[in-house]
Amino acid sequence: IVAAFVSGRTPVLVVTDGSLRNVEMPHVHTIVSYDVPPSVDVYAERIDFTGRAGRTGTATTLVTETISVEDATWLVNVLRHADAGVPRWLDALVHLRPAGAAVAALY
């Protein structure tokens, strides 16, 4: 299945964290993470396939109202460092919630 994706015969590949270590895929344009990774390192592994060899790519992470302020904070810092733009709502979550709180706890 991975070979079919790498060759371009299969346009979409769904994988779990760590399942593609040491696999070279130079033509990945888009990565969608259905949840916030547990750490910056896992996030970096997930999005590492986009933008290789001077190409640009898009990484999208789906965020729910249960994101912790700690996870939101590192995600905002990564986005700022990459000059990727931070959605206003995500930036507001970081600044409005006490540490350890989830968004759902505020409603």
PDB file of N, CA and C in Angstrom:
ATOM      1  N   ILE A   1       0.828  -1.186   0.000  1.00  0.00           N
ATOM      2  CA  ILE A   1       0.000   0.000   0.000  1.00  0.00           C
ATOM      3  C   ILE A   1       0.872   1.250   0.000  1.00  0.00           C
ATOM      4  N   VAL A   2       1.913   1.253   0.831  1.00  0.00           N
ATOM      5  CA  VAL A   2       2.807   2.412   0.875  1.00  0.00           C
ATOM      6  C   VAL A   2       3.485   2.605  -0.471  1.00  0.00           C
ATOM      7  N   ALA A   3       3.913   1.514  -1.105  1.00  0.00           N
ATOM      8  CA  ALA A   3       4.558   1.607  -2.420  1.00  0.00           C
ATOM      9  C   ALA A   3       3.607   2.202  -3.449  1.00  0.00           C
ATOM     10  N   ALA A   4       2.337   1.837  -3.387  1.00  0.00           N
ATOM     11  CA  ALA A   4       1.352   2.394  -4.317  1.00  0.00           C
ATOM     12  C   ALA A   4       1.189   3.892  -4.091  1.00  0.00           C
ATOM     13  N   PHE A   5       1.241   4.325  -2.835  1.00  0.00           N
ATOM     14  CA  PHE A   5       1.147   5.749  -2.534  1.00  0.00           C
ATOM     15  C   PHE A   5       2.388   6.490  -3.021  1.00  0.00           C
ATOM     16  N   VAL A   6       3.562   5.943  -2.714  1.00  0.00           N
ATOM     17  CA  VAL A   6       4.819   6.582  -3.112  1.00  0.00           C
ATOM     18  C   VAL A   6       4.907   6.707  -4.628  1.00  0.00           C
ATOM     19  N   SER A   7       4.426   5.695  -5.348  1.00  0.00           N
ATOM     20  CA  SER A   7       4.488   5.732  -6.811  1.00  0.00           C
ATOM     21  C   SER A   7       3.431   6.641  -7.426  1.00  0.00           C
ATOM     22  N   GLY A   8       2.433   7.041  -6.627  1.00  0.00           N
ATOM     23  CA  GLY A   8       1.381   7.905  -7.148  1.00  0.00           C
ATOM     24  C   GLY A   8       0.137   7.164  -7.597  1.00  0.00           C
ATOM     25  N   ARG A   9       0.146   5.841  -7.536  1.00  0.00           N
ATOM     26  CA  ARG A   9      -1.033   5.073  -7.953  1.00  0.00           C
ATOM     27  C   ARG A   9      -2.193   5.224  -6.970  1.00  0.00           C
ATOM     28  N   THR A  10      -1.869   5.470  -5.706  1.00  0.00           N
ATOM     29  CA  THR A  10      -2.882   5.684  -4.676  1.00  0.00           C
ATOM     30  C   THR A  10      -2.725   7.109  -4.166  1.00  0.00           C
ATOM     31  N   PRO A  11      -3.760   7.966  -4.291  1.00  0.00           N
ATOM     32  CA  PRO A  11      -3.604   9.373  -3.933  1.00  0.00           C
ATOM     33  C   PRO A  11      -3.700   9.683  -2.440  1.00  0.00           C
ATOM     34  N   VAL A  12      -4.231   8.751  -1.631  1.00  0.00           N
ATOM     35  CA  VAL A  12      -4.428   9.009  -0.206  1.00  0.00           C
ATOM     36  C   VAL A  12      -3.872   7.842   0.600  1.00  0.00           C
ATOM     37  N   LEU A  13      -3.202   8.162   1.692  1.00  0.00           N
ATOM     38  CA  LEU A  13      -2.664   7.144   2.586  1.00  0.00           C
ATOM     39  C   LEU A  13      -3.019   7.536   4.015  1.00  0.00           C
ATOM     40  N   VAL A  14      -3.613   6.623   4.756  1.00  0.00           N
ATOM     41  CA  VAL A  14      -3.954   6.848   6.161  1.00  0.00           C
ATOM     42  C   VAL A  14      -3.009   6.002   7.006  1.00  0.00           C
ATOM     43  N   VAL A  15      -2.313   6.655   7.943  1.00  0.00           N
ATOM     44  CA  VAL A  15      -1.318   5.947   8.755  1.00  0.00           C
ATOM     45  C   VAL A  15      -1.433   6.357  10.220  1.00  0.00           C
ATOM     46  N   THR A  16      -0.756   5.601  11.076  1.00  0.00           N
ATOM     47  CA  THR A  16      -0.666   5.939  12.493  1.00  0.00           C
ATOM     48  C   THR A  16       0.708   6.529  12.776  1.00  0.00           C
ATOM     49  N   ASP A  17       0.837   7.175  13.932  1.00  0.00           N
ATOM     50  CA  ASP A  17       2.117   7.769  14.314  1.00  0.00           C
ATOM     51  C   ASP A  17       3.222   6.723  14.294  1.00  0.00           C
ATOM     52  N   GLY A  18       4.352   7.086  13.714  1.00  0.00           N
ATOM     53  CA  GLY A  18       5.519   6.221  13.724  1.00  0.00           C
ATOM     54  C   GLY A  18       5.533   5.110  12.703  1.00  0.00           C
ATOM     55  N   SER A  19       4.447   4.912  11.972  1.00  0.00           N
ATOM     56  CA  SER A  19       4.396   3.775  11.047  1.00  0.00           C
ATOM     57  C   SER A  19       5.208   3.992   9.778  1.00  0.00           C
ATOM     58  N   LEU A  20       5.623   5.206   9.521  1.00  0.00           N
ATOM     59  CA  LEU A  20       6.370   5.485   8.289  1.00  0.00           C
ATOM     60  C   LEU A  20       7.801   5.931   8.555  1.00  0.00           C
ATOM     61  N   ARG A  21       8.332   5.584   9.701  1.00  0.00           N
ATOM     62  CA  ARG A  21       9.732   5.936   9.972  1.00  0.00           C
ATOM     63  C   ARG A  21      10.624   5.282   8.924  1.00  0.00           C
ATOM     64  N   ASN A  22      11.592   6.047   8.453  1.00  0.00           N
ATOM     65  CA  ASN A  22      12.563   5.573   7.465  1.00  0.00           C
ATOM     66  C   ASN A  22      11.947   5.268   6.105  1.00  0.00           C
ATOM     67  N   VAL A  23      10.794   5.830   5.811  1.00  0.00           N
ATOM     68  CA  VAL A  23      10.182   5.694   4.489  1.00  0.00           C
ATOM     69  C   VAL A  23      10.316   7.043   3.796  1.00  0.00           C
ATOM     70  N   GLU A  24      10.883   7.055   2.615  1.00  0.00           N
ATOM     71  CA  GLU A  24      11.069   8.297   1.869  1.00  0.00           C
ATOM     72  C   GLU A  24       9.856   8.539   0.981  1.00  0.00           C
ATOM     73  N   MET A  25       9.196   9.669   1.196  1.00  0.00           N
ATOM     74  CA  MET A  25       8.041  10.055   0.385  1.00  0.00           C
ATOM     75  C   MET A  25       8.193  11.530   0.020  1.00  0.00           C
ATOM     76  N   PRO A  26       8.886  11.815  -1.069  1.00  0.00           N
ATOM     77  CA  PRO A  26       9.204  13.201  -1.397  1.00  0.00           C
ATOM     78  C   PRO A  26       8.058  14.017  -1.989  1.00  0.00           C
ATOM     79  N   HIS A  27       6.941  13.401  -2.328  1.00  0.00           N
ATOM     80  CA  HIS A  27       5.891  14.132  -3.041  1.00  0.00           C
ATOM     81  C   HIS A  27       4.613  14.318  -2.232  1.00  0.00           C
ATOM     82  N   VAL A  28       4.714  14.371  -0.925  1.00  0.00           N
ATOM     83  CA  VAL A  28       3.532  14.580  -0.094  1.00  0.00           C
ATOM     84  C   VAL A  28       3.267  16.081  -0.013  1.00  0.00           C
ATOM     85  N   HIS A  29       2.057  16.468  -0.389  1.00  0.00           N
ATOM     86  CA  HIS A  29       1.696  17.886  -0.399  1.00  0.00           C
ATOM     87  C   HIS A  29       0.838  18.277   0.799  1.00  0.00           C
ATOM     88  N   THR A  30       0.056  17.328   1.316  1.00  0.00           N
ATOM     89  CA  THR A  30      -0.893  17.637   2.376  1.00  0.00           C
ATOM     90  C   THR A  30      -0.885  16.548   3.441  1.00  0.00           C
ATOM     91  N   ILE A  31      -0.855  16.975   4.691  1.00  0.00           N
ATOM     92  CA  ILE A  31      -0.970  16.068   5.836  1.00  0.00           C
ATOM     93  C   ILE A  31      -2.128  16.583   6.682  1.00  0.00           C
ATOM     94  N   VAL A  32      -3.032  15.693   7.066  1.00  0.00           N
ATOM     95  CA  VAL A  32      -4.133  16.050   7.955  1.00  0.00           C
ATOM     96  C   VAL A  32      -4.024  15.175   9.196  1.00  0.00           C
ATOM     97  N   SER A  33      -3.871  15.808  10.340  1.00  0.00           N
ATOM     98  CA  SER A  33      -3.847  15.091  11.617  1.00  0.00           C
ATOM     99  C   SER A  33      -5.225  15.223  12.237  1.00  0.00           C
ATOM    100  N   TYR A  34      -5.843  14.101  12.537  1.00  0.00           N
ATOM    101  CA  TYR A  34      -7.206  14.156  13.075  1.00  0.00           C
ATOM    102  C   TYR A  34      -7.242  14.500  14.551  1.00  0.00           C
ATOM    103  N   ASP A  35      -6.089  14.590  15.185  1.00  0.00           N
ATOM    104  CA  ASP A  35      -6.024  15.012  16.578  1.00  0.00           C
ATOM    105  C   ASP A  35      -4.713  15.744  16.827  1.00  0.00           C
ATOM    106  N   VAL A  36      -4.648  16.418  17.960  1.00  0.00           N
ATOM    107  CA  VAL A  36      -3.420  17.112  18.333  1.00  0.00           C
ATOM    108  C   VAL A  36      -2.430  16.064  18.828  1.00  0.00           C
ATOM    109  N   PRO A  37      -1.226  16.051  18.274  1.00  0.00           N
ATOM    110  CA  PRO A  37      -0.225  15.075  18.707  1.00  0.00           C
ATOM    111  C   PRO A  37       0.105  15.247  20.192  1.00  0.00           C
ATOM    112  N   PRO A  38       0.617  14.200  20.821  1.00  0.00           N
ATOM    113  CA  PRO A  38       0.930  14.277  22.245  1.00  0.00           C
ATOM    114  C   PRO A  38       2.170  15.111  22.579  1.00  0.00           C
ATOM    115  N   SER A  39       2.958  15.475  21.566  1.00  0.00           N
ATOM    116  CA  SER A  39       4.166  16.267  21.828  1.00  0.00           C
ATOM    117  C   SER A  39       4.613  16.971  20.555  1.00  0.00           C
ATOM    118  N   VAL A  40       5.503  17.932  20.737  1.00  0.00           N
ATOM    119  CA  VAL A  40       6.077  18.641  19.594  1.00  0.00           C
ATOM    120  C   VAL A  40       6.839  17.666  18.703  1.00  0.00           C
ATOM    121  N   ASP A  41       7.542  16.714  19.302  1.00  0.00           N
ATOM    122  CA  ASP A  41       8.316  15.747  18.520  1.00  0.00           C
ATOM    123  C   ASP A  41       7.418  14.909  17.612  1.00  0.00           C
ATOM    124  N   VAL A  42       6.296  14.441  18.129  1.00  0.00           N
ATOM    125  CA  VAL A  42       5.366  13.651  17.312  1.00  0.00           C
ATOM    126  C   VAL A  42       4.765  14.533  16.223  1.00  0.00           C
ATOM    127  N   TYR A  43       4.475  15.790  16.544  1.00  0.00           N
ATOM    128  CA  TYR A  43       3.959  16.725  15.541  1.00  0.00           C
ATOM    129  C   TYR A  43       4.974  16.885  14.411  1.00  0.00           C
ATOM    130  N   ALA A  44       6.241  17.050  14.776  1.00  0.00           N
ATOM    131  CA  ALA A  44       7.293  17.199  13.766  1.00  0.00           C
ATOM    132  C   ALA A  44       7.386  15.958  12.889  1.00  0.00           C
ATOM    133  N   GLU A  45       7.269  14.777  13.490  1.00  0.00           N
ATOM    134  CA  GLU A  45       7.293  13.537  12.704  1.00  0.00           C
ATOM    135  C   GLU A  45       6.118  13.481  11.736  1.00  0.00           C
ATOM    136  N   ARG A  46       4.936  13.911  12.203  1.00  0.00           N
ATOM    137  CA  ARG A  46       3.751  13.866  11.346  1.00  0.00           C
ATOM    138  C   ARG A  46       3.891  14.772  10.127  1.00  0.00           C
ATOM    139  N   ILE A  47       4.379  15.977  10.339  1.00  0.00           N
ATOM    140  CA  ILE A  47       4.396  16.936   9.234  1.00  0.00           C
ATOM    141  C   ILE A  47       5.698  16.923   8.442  1.00  0.00           C
ATOM    142  N   ASP A  48       6.644  16.092   8.844  1.00  0.00           N
ATOM    143  CA  ASP A  48       7.962  16.055   8.210  1.00  0.00           C
ATOM    144  C   ASP A  48       7.905  15.728   6.719  1.00  0.00           C
ATOM    145  N   PHE A  49       6.882  15.041   6.282  1.00  0.00           N
ATOM    146  CA  PHE A  49       6.807  14.639   4.878  1.00  0.00           C
ATOM    147  C   PHE A  49       6.407  15.785   3.950  1.00  0.00           C
ATOM    148  N   THR A  50       5.844  16.854   4.490  1.00  0.00           N
ATOM    149  CA  THR A  50       5.456  17.973   3.637  1.00  0.00           C
ATOM    150  C   THR A  50       6.638  18.903   3.433  1.00  0.00           C
ATOM    151  N   GLY A  51       6.718  19.482   2.277  1.00  0.00           N
ATOM    152  CA  GLY A  51       7.729  20.484   2.022  1.00  0.00           C
ATOM    153  C   GLY A  51       9.146  19.969   1.905  1.00  0.00           C
ATOM    154  N   ARG A  52       9.338  18.745   1.524  1.00  0.00           N
ATOM    155  CA  ARG A  52      10.697  18.212   1.362  1.00  0.00           C
ATOM    156  C   ARG A  52      11.304  18.673   0.047  1.00  0.00           C
ATOM    157  N   ALA A  53      12.608  18.686   0.002  1.00  0.00           N
ATOM    158  CA  ALA A  53      13.372  19.025  -1.209  1.00  0.00           C
ATOM    159  C   ALA A  53      12.964  20.385  -1.762  1.00  0.00           C
ATOM    160  N   GLY A  54      12.735  21.346  -0.869  1.00  0.00           N
ATOM    161  CA  GLY A  54      12.411  22.693  -1.298  1.00  0.00           C
ATOM    162  C   GLY A  54      10.976  22.901  -1.731  1.00  0.00           C
ATOM    163  N   ARG A  55      10.165  21.873  -1.651  1.00  0.00           N
ATOM    164  CA  ARG A  55       8.751  22.008  -2.020  1.00  0.00           C
ATOM    165  C   ARG A  55       7.962  22.578  -0.846  1.00  0.00           C
ATOM    166  N   THR A  56       6.811  23.129  -1.160  1.00  0.00           N
ATOM    167  CA  THR A  56       5.926  23.594  -0.102  1.00  0.00           C
ATOM    168  C   THR A  56       4.860  22.540   0.156  1.00  0.00           C
ATOM    169  N   GLY A  57       4.271  22.609   1.322  1.00  0.00           N
ATOM    170  CA  GLY A  57       3.222  21.667   1.679  1.00  0.00           C
ATOM    171  C   GLY A  57       2.304  22.277   2.713  1.00  0.00           C
ATOM    172  N   THR A  58       1.224  21.580   2.991  1.00  0.00           N
ATOM    173  CA  THR A  58       0.246  22.047   3.962  1.00  0.00           C
ATOM    174  C   THR A  58       0.032  20.981   5.017  1.00  0.00           C
ATOM    175  N   ALA A  59       0.087  21.383   6.274  1.00  0.00           N
ATOM    176  CA  ALA A  59      -0.211  20.483   7.386  1.00  0.00           C
ATOM    177  C   ALA A  59      -1.385  21.072   8.151  1.00  0.00           C
ATOM    178  N   THR A  60      -2.426  20.281   8.313  1.00  0.00           N
ATOM    179  CA  THR A  60      -3.623  20.709   9.027  1.00  0.00           C
ATOM    180  C   THR A  60      -3.831  19.789  10.220  1.00  0.00           C
ATOM    181  N   THR A  61      -4.058  20.377  11.377  1.00  0.00           N
ATOM    182  CA  THR A  61      -4.344  19.601  12.579  1.00  0.00           C
ATOM    183  C   THR A  61      -5.738  19.962  13.057  1.00  0.00           C
ATOM    184  N   LEU A  62      -6.579  18.953  13.209  1.00  0.00           N
ATOM    185  CA  LEU A  62      -7.928  19.179  13.715  1.00  0.00           C
ATOM    186  C   LEU A  62      -7.858  19.319  15.231  1.00  0.00           C
ATOM    187  N   VAL A  63      -8.459  20.384  15.743  1.00  0.00           N
ATOM    188  CA  VAL A  63      -8.403  20.694  17.165  1.00  0.00           C
ATOM    189  C   VAL A  63      -9.826  20.715  17.718  1.00  0.00           C
ATOM    190  N   THR A  64     -10.029  20.043  18.846  1.00  0.00           N
ATOM    191  CA  THR A  64     -11.344  20.046  19.487  1.00  0.00           C
ATOM    192  C   THR A  64     -11.328  20.938  20.716  1.00  0.00           C
ATOM    193  N   GLU A  65     -12.500  21.116  21.291  1.00  0.00           N
ATOM    194  CA  GLU A  65     -12.616  21.974  22.472  1.00  0.00           C
ATOM    195  C   GLU A  65     -11.959  21.381  23.714  1.00  0.00           C
ATOM    196  N   THR A  66     -11.493  20.152  23.632  1.00  0.00           N
ATOM    197  CA  THR A  66     -10.851  19.540  24.797  1.00  0.00           C
ATOM    198  C   THR A  66      -9.337  19.711  24.809  1.00  0.00           C
ATOM    199  N   ILE A  67      -8.792  20.473  23.880  1.00  0.00           N
ATOM    200  CA  ILE A  67      -7.342  20.683  23.853  1.00  0.00           C
ATOM    201  C   ILE A  67      -6.903  21.356  25.154  1.00  0.00           C
ATOM    202  N   SER A  68      -5.809  20.896  25.696  1.00  0.00           N
ATOM    203  CA  SER A  68      -5.289  21.503  26.931  1.00  0.00           C
ATOM    204  C   SER A  68      -4.568  22.799  26.587  1.00  0.00           C
ATOM    205  N   VAL A  69      -4.454  23.671  27.561  1.00  0.00           N
ATOM    206  CA  VAL A  69      -3.753  24.925  27.333  1.00  0.00           C
ATOM    207  C   VAL A  69      -2.286  24.654  27.009  1.00  0.00           C
ATOM    208  N   GLU A  70      -1.717  23.602  27.586  1.00  0.00           N
ATOM    209  CA  GLU A  70      -0.324  23.264  27.297  1.00  0.00           C
ATOM    210  C   GLU A  70      -0.149  22.864  25.832  1.00  0.00           C
ATOM    211  N   ASP A  71      -1.042  21.996  25.332  1.00  0.00           N
ATOM    212  CA  ASP A  71      -0.959  21.587  23.927  1.00  0.00           C
ATOM    213  C   ASP A  71      -1.229  22.761  22.997  1.00  0.00           C
ATOM    214  N   ALA A  72      -2.197  23.588  23.341  1.00  0.00           N
ATOM    215  CA  ALA A  72      -2.495  24.764  22.520  1.00  0.00           C
ATOM    216  C   ALA A  72      -1.301  25.705  22.490  1.00  0.00           C
ATOM    217  N   THR A  73      -0.616  25.833  23.617  1.00  0.00           N
ATOM    218  CA  THR A  73       0.533  26.737  23.698  1.00  0.00           C
ATOM    219  C   THR A  73       1.668  26.273  22.801  1.00  0.00           C
ATOM    220  N   TRP A  74       2.035  24.980  22.863  1.00  0.00           N
ATOM    221  CA  TRP A  74       3.142  24.545  22.004  1.00  0.00           C
ATOM    222  C   TRP A  74       2.745  24.592  20.540  1.00  0.00           C
ATOM    223  N   LEU A  75       1.472  24.315  20.244  1.00  0.00           N
ATOM    224  CA  LEU A  75       1.029  24.389  18.855  1.00  0.00           C
ATOM    225  C   LEU A  75       1.117  25.827  18.341  1.00  0.00           C
ATOM    226  N   VAL A  76       0.687  26.785  19.139  1.00  0.00           N
ATOM    227  CA  VAL A  76       0.795  28.199  18.762  1.00  0.00           C
ATOM    228  C   VAL A  76       2.259  28.580  18.563  1.00  0.00           C
ATOM    229  N   ASN A  77       3.135  28.133  19.450  1.00  0.00           N
ATOM    230  CA  ASN A  77       4.564  28.454  19.317  1.00  0.00           C
ATOM    231  C   ASN A  77       5.158  27.871  18.038  1.00  0.00           C
ATOM    232  N   VAL A  78       4.786  26.642  17.702  1.00  0.00           N
ATOM    233  CA  VAL A  78       5.271  26.016  16.464  1.00  0.00           C
ATOM    234  C   VAL A  78       4.774  26.802  15.254  1.00  0.00           C
ATOM    235  N   LEU A  79       3.510  27.169  15.250  1.00  0.00           N
ATOM    236  CA  LEU A  79       2.948  27.921  14.125  1.00  0.00           C
ATOM    237  C   LEU A  79       3.641  29.273  13.973  1.00  0.00           C
ATOM    238  N   ARG A  80       3.883  29.945  15.075  1.00  0.00           N
ATOM    239  CA  ARG A  80       4.575  31.243  15.010  1.00  0.00           C
ATOM    240  C   ARG A  80       5.999  31.081  14.491  1.00  0.00           C
ATOM    241  N   HIS A  81       6.697  30.071  14.994  1.00  0.00           N
ATOM    242  CA  HIS A  81       8.076  29.829  14.567  1.00  0.00           C
ATOM    243  C   HIS A  81       8.139  29.539  13.064  1.00  0.00           C
ATOM    244  N   ALA A  82       7.130  28.844  12.551  1.00  0.00           N
ATOM    245  CA  ALA A  82       7.086  28.512  11.125  1.00  0.00           C
ATOM    246  C   ALA A  82       6.510  29.648  10.293  1.00  0.00           C
ATOM    247  N   ASP A  83       6.145  30.745  10.943  1.00  0.00           N
ATOM    248  CA  ASP A  83       5.521  31.881  10.260  1.00  0.00           C
ATOM    249  C   ASP A  83       4.293  31.420   9.472  1.00  0.00           C
ATOM    250  N   ALA A  84       3.537  30.497  10.095  1.00  0.00           N
ATOM    251  CA  ALA A  84       2.386  29.889   9.423  1.00  0.00           C
ATOM    252  C   ALA A  84       1.078  30.600   9.727  1.00  0.00           C
ATOM    253  N   GLY A  85       1.086  31.508  10.646  1.00  0.00           N
ATOM    254  CA  GLY A  85      -0.149  32.179  11.021  1.00  0.00           C
ATOM    255  C   GLY A  85      -0.895  31.378  12.076  1.00  0.00           C
ATOM    256  N   VAL A  86      -1.362  32.070  13.082  1.00  0.00           N
ATOM    257  CA  VAL A  86      -2.093  31.430  14.174  1.00  0.00           C
ATOM    258  C   VAL A  86      -3.546  31.879  14.105  1.00  0.00           C
ATOM    259  N   PRO A  87      -4.477  30.931  14.020  1.00  0.00           N
ATOM    260  CA  PRO A  87      -5.889  31.330  14.028  1.00  0.00           C
ATOM    261  C   PRO A  87      -6.210  32.115  15.308  1.00  0.00           C
ATOM    262  N   ARG A  88      -7.022  33.151  15.180  1.00  0.00           N
ATOM    263  CA  ARG A  88      -7.350  33.991  16.338  1.00  0.00           C
ATOM    264  C   ARG A  88      -7.952  33.187  17.483  1.00  0.00           C
ATOM    265  N   TRP A  89      -8.828  32.253  17.141  1.00  0.00           N
ATOM    266  CA  TRP A  89      -9.503  31.476  18.186  1.00  0.00           C
ATOM    267  C   TRP A  89      -8.504  30.632  18.979  1.00  0.00           C
ATOM    268  N   LEU A  90      -7.456  30.109  18.298  1.00  0.00           N
ATOM    269  CA  LEU A  90      -6.460  29.295  18.992  1.00  0.00           C
ATOM    270  C   LEU A  90      -5.584  30.171  19.879  1.00  0.00           C
ATOM    271  N   ASP A  91      -5.203  31.320  19.373  1.00  0.00           N
ATOM    272  CA  ASP A  91      -4.412  32.261  20.160  1.00  0.00           C
ATOM    273  C   ASP A  91      -5.199  32.718  21.383  1.00  0.00           C
ATOM    274  N   ALA A  92      -6.492  32.953  21.214  1.00  0.00           N
ATOM    275  CA  ALA A  92      -7.338  33.370  22.335  1.00  0.00           C
ATOM    276  C   ALA A  92      -7.424  32.279  23.398  1.00  0.00           C
ATOM    277  N   LEU A  93      -7.481  31.023  22.975  1.00  0.00           N
ATOM    278  CA  LEU A  93      -7.543  29.925  23.939  1.00  0.00           C
ATOM    279  C   LEU A  93      -6.320  29.914  24.836  1.00  0.00           C
ATOM    280  N   VAL A  94      -5.175  30.165  24.249  1.00  0.00           N
ATOM    281  CA  VAL A  94      -3.928  30.151  25.012  1.00  0.00           C
ATOM    282  C   VAL A  94      -3.920  31.267  26.050  1.00  0.00           C
ATOM    283  N   HIS A  95      -4.464  32.410  25.695  1.00  0.00           N
ATOM    284  CA  HIS A  95      -4.399  33.566  26.587  1.00  0.00           C
ATOM    285  C   HIS A  95      -5.569  33.670  27.561  1.00  0.00           C
ATOM    286  N   LEU A  96      -6.653  32.959  27.321  1.00  0.00           N
ATOM    287  CA  LEU A  96      -7.838  33.099  28.169  1.00  0.00           C
ATOM    288  C   LEU A  96      -8.005  32.002  29.206  1.00  0.00           C
ATOM    289  N   ARG A  97      -7.309  30.894  29.044  1.00  0.00           N
ATOM    290  CA  ARG A  97      -7.534  29.759  29.944  1.00  0.00           C
ATOM    291  C   ARG A  97      -6.394  29.589  30.930  1.00  0.00           C
ATOM    292  N   PRO A  98      -6.723  29.168  32.139  1.00  0.00           N
ATOM    293  CA  PRO A  98      -5.656  28.843  33.090  1.00  0.00           C
ATOM    294  C   PRO A  98      -4.967  27.544  32.700  1.00  0.00           C
ATOM    295  N   ALA A  99      -3.720  27.381  33.096  1.00  0.00           N
ATOM    296  CA  ALA A  99      -2.978  26.152  32.794  1.00  0.00           C
ATOM    297  C   ALA A  99      -3.739  24.940  33.313  1.00  0.00           C
ATOM    298  N   GLY A 100      -3.734  23.873  32.535  1.00  0.00           N
ATOM    299  CA  GLY A 100      -4.413  22.642  32.914  1.00  0.00           C
ATOM    300  C   GLY A 100      -5.879  22.600  32.556  1.00  0.00           C
ATOM    301  N   ALA A 101      -6.440  23.711  32.107  1.00  0.00           N
ATOM    302  CA  ALA A 101      -7.868  23.755  31.775  1.00  0.00           C
ATOM    303  C   ALA A 101      -8.089  23.358  30.330  1.00  0.00           C
ATOM    304  N   ALA A 102      -9.231  22.798  30.071  1.00  0.00           N
ATOM    305  CA  ALA A 102      -9.650  22.499  28.703  1.00  0.00           C
ATOM    306  C   ALA A 102     -10.728  23.495  28.327  1.00  0.00           C
ATOM    307  N   VAL A 103     -10.932  23.681  27.034  1.00  0.00           N
ATOM    308  CA  VAL A 103     -11.936  24.635  26.570  1.00  0.00           C
ATOM    309  C   VAL A 103     -13.301  24.286  27.132  1.00  0.00           C
ATOM    310  N   ALA A 104     -13.658  23.009  27.111  1.00  0.00           N
ATOM    311  CA  ALA A 104     -14.984  22.584  27.559  1.00  0.00           C
ATOM    312  C   ALA A 104     -15.246  22.999  29.003  1.00  0.00           C
ATOM    313  N   ALA A 105     -14.203  23.128  29.805  1.00  0.00           N
ATOM    314  CA  ALA A 105     -14.376  23.499  31.205  1.00  0.00           C
ATOM    315  C   ALA A 105     -14.851  24.937  31.366  1.00  0.00           C
ATOM    316  N   LEU A 106     -14.716  25.735  30.334  1.00  0.00           N
ATOM    317  CA  LEU A 106     -15.116  27.140  30.421  1.00  0.00           C
ATOM    318  C   LEU A 106     -16.579  27.359  30.072  1.00  0.00           C
ATOM    319  N   TYR A 107     -17.256  26.372  29.508  1.00  0.00           N
ATOM    320  CA  TYR A 107     -18.640  26.548  29.063  1.00  0.00           C
ATOM    321  C   TYR A 107     -19.622  26.075  30.085  1.00  0.00           C
TER     322      TYR A 107
END
